[in-house]
Amino acid sequence: MTEISQGELITDITPIAFNLGSVVLTRGMDELCGGNHALLLPLLNRHDNCDWGNCYPEDAIQNNWATHNKLRIMSVYEFLGEAVWIITESDRSVTTILLPTEY
């Protein structure tokens, strides 16, 4: 667990590598990419490299913190004109690619 020293801000936390676990996607995402799941690899790579995409700044800070503390990580991207979420569970067992309407 990462400790914060007095005077250190949570915004100063640099994310660290984390496990994706099994990567799954929802039916809506399967339909959106027309079954060509390789199209989603750039988004998954961004998530895996701690590029949180279009999430709010405070959510990006939370994600950075989460990489150190085994909390849920959520990224937001645009894909074919649609918002897409990628969520890695806190236990790092699974990462899900989904549409916000499927949450």
Protein backbone atom coordinates (compact mmCIF):
# COMPACT_ATOMS: atom_id res chain seq x y z
CA MET A 1 0.00 0.00 0.00
CA THR A 2 1.32 3.43 -0.88
CA GLU A 3 1.77 5.80 2.00
CA ILE A 4 1.46 9.54 1.62
CA SER A 5 3.92 11.61 3.56
CA GLN A 6 2.92 14.89 5.13
CA GLY A 7 2.81 17.58 2.45
CA GLU A 8 2.55 15.11 -0.44
CA LEU A 9 -0.57 15.52 -2.52
CA ILE A 10 -2.55 12.60 -3.86
CA THR A 11 -2.32 14.32 -7.26
CA ASP A 12 1.44 13.63 -7.24
CA ILE A 13 1.01 9.85 -7.36
CA THR A 14 2.50 8.20 -10.44
CA PRO A 15 0.57 5.13 -11.54
CA ILE A 16 2.28 1.74 -11.57
CA ALA A 17 1.75 -1.31 -13.75
CA PHE A 18 -1.21 -3.52 -12.87
CA ASN A 19 -2.62 -6.82 -14.08
CA LEU A 20 -5.60 -6.79 -16.41
CA GLY A 21 -6.69 -10.32 -15.52
CA SER A 22 -9.03 -11.89 -18.07
CA VAL A 23 -10.20 -9.39 -20.68
CA VAL A 24 -13.87 -9.62 -21.63
CA LEU A 25 -16.31 -7.46 -23.54
CA THR A 26 -20.04 -7.03 -23.55
CA ARG A 27 -22.46 -7.88 -26.34
CA GLY A 28 -22.86 -4.22 -27.15
CA MET A 29 -19.12 -3.82 -27.64
CA ASP A 30 -19.01 -6.98 -29.75
CA GLU A 31 -21.73 -5.53 -31.96
CA LEU A 32 -20.08 -2.10 -32.14
CA CYS A 33 -16.77 -3.54 -33.37
CA GLY A 34 -18.55 -5.99 -35.66
CA GLY A 35 -16.87 -8.92 -33.96
CA ASN A 36 -13.41 -7.59 -34.90
CA HIS A 37 -12.04 -7.46 -31.36
CA ALA A 38 -8.57 -6.49 -32.58
CA LEU A 39 -9.99 -3.00 -33.19
CA LEU A 40 -10.21 -2.62 -29.41
CA LEU A 41 -6.53 -3.35 -28.76
CA PRO A 42 -5.43 0.32 -28.97
CA LEU A 43 -7.93 1.21 -26.24
CA LEU A 44 -6.89 -1.74 -24.10
CA ASN A 45 -3.23 -0.81 -24.55
CA ARG A 46 -3.94 2.75 -23.44
CA HIS A 47 -5.72 1.47 -20.33
CA ASP A 48 -2.88 -0.97 -19.61
CA ASN A 49 -0.37 1.88 -19.95
CA CYS A 50 -2.26 4.09 -17.46
CA ASP A 51 -3.64 6.48 -20.08
CA TRP A 52 -7.11 6.95 -18.63
CA GLY A 53 -8.52 8.61 -21.73
CA ASN A 54 -11.39 11.05 -21.39
CA CYS A 55 -12.24 10.51 -17.73
CA TYR A 56 -12.57 13.46 -15.38
CA PRO A 57 -9.28 14.69 -13.85
CA GLU A 58 -10.35 13.61 -10.37
CA ASP A 59 -11.10 10.11 -11.73
CA ALA A 60 -7.63 9.98 -13.31
CA ILE A 61 -6.12 10.83 -9.92
CA GLN A 62 -8.24 8.09 -8.32
CA ASN A 63 -7.05 5.62 -10.97
CA ASN A 64 -3.41 6.50 -10.25
CA TRP A 65 -4.06 5.89 -6.56
CA ALA A 66 -5.93 2.67 -7.38
CA THR A 67 -2.91 1.17 -9.14
CA HIS A 68 -1.06 1.30 -5.80
CA ASN A 69 -3.95 0.21 -3.62
CA LYS A 70 -5.80 -2.54 -5.49
CA LEU A 71 -8.91 -0.48 -6.16
CA ARG A 72 -11.10 -0.51 -9.28
CA ILE A 73 -9.64 1.28 -12.32
CA MET A 74 -11.88 2.84 -14.97
CA SER A 75 -10.93 4.47 -18.27
CA VAL A 76 -13.15 6.31 -20.74
CA TYR A 77 -12.48 6.45 -24.48
CA GLU A 78 -14.26 7.24 -27.72
CA PHE A 79 -14.59 4.46 -30.28
CA LEU A 80 -16.52 4.77 -33.53
CA GLY A 81 -18.35 7.79 -32.14
CA GLU A 82 -19.42 6.04 -28.94
CA ALA A 83 -18.19 6.38 -25.37
CA VAL A 84 -16.49 3.21 -24.18
CA TRP A 85 -15.56 2.27 -20.64
CA ILE A 86 -12.79 -0.11 -19.65
CA ILE A 87 -12.97 -1.29 -16.04
CA THR A 88 -10.39 -3.40 -14.22
CA GLU A 89 -11.77 -4.89 -11.03
CA SER A 90 -10.05 -4.28 -7.72
CA ASP A 91 -8.91 -7.90 -7.39
CA ARG A 92 -7.39 -7.66 -10.92
CA SER A 93 -9.24 -10.81 -11.97
CA VAL A 94 -11.01 -9.26 -14.95
CA THR A 95 -11.03 -6.21 -17.19
CA THR A 96 -14.31 -5.47 -18.98
CA ILE A 97 -14.78 -3.37 -22.13
CA LEU A 98 -18.32 -2.04 -22.24
CA LEU A 99 -20.68 0.69 -23.30
CA PRO A 100 -21.84 2.98 -20.47
CA THR A 101 -25.44 1.90 -21.10
CA GLU A 102 -24.44 -1.68 -20.23
CA TYR A 103 -23.12 -0.86 -16.76
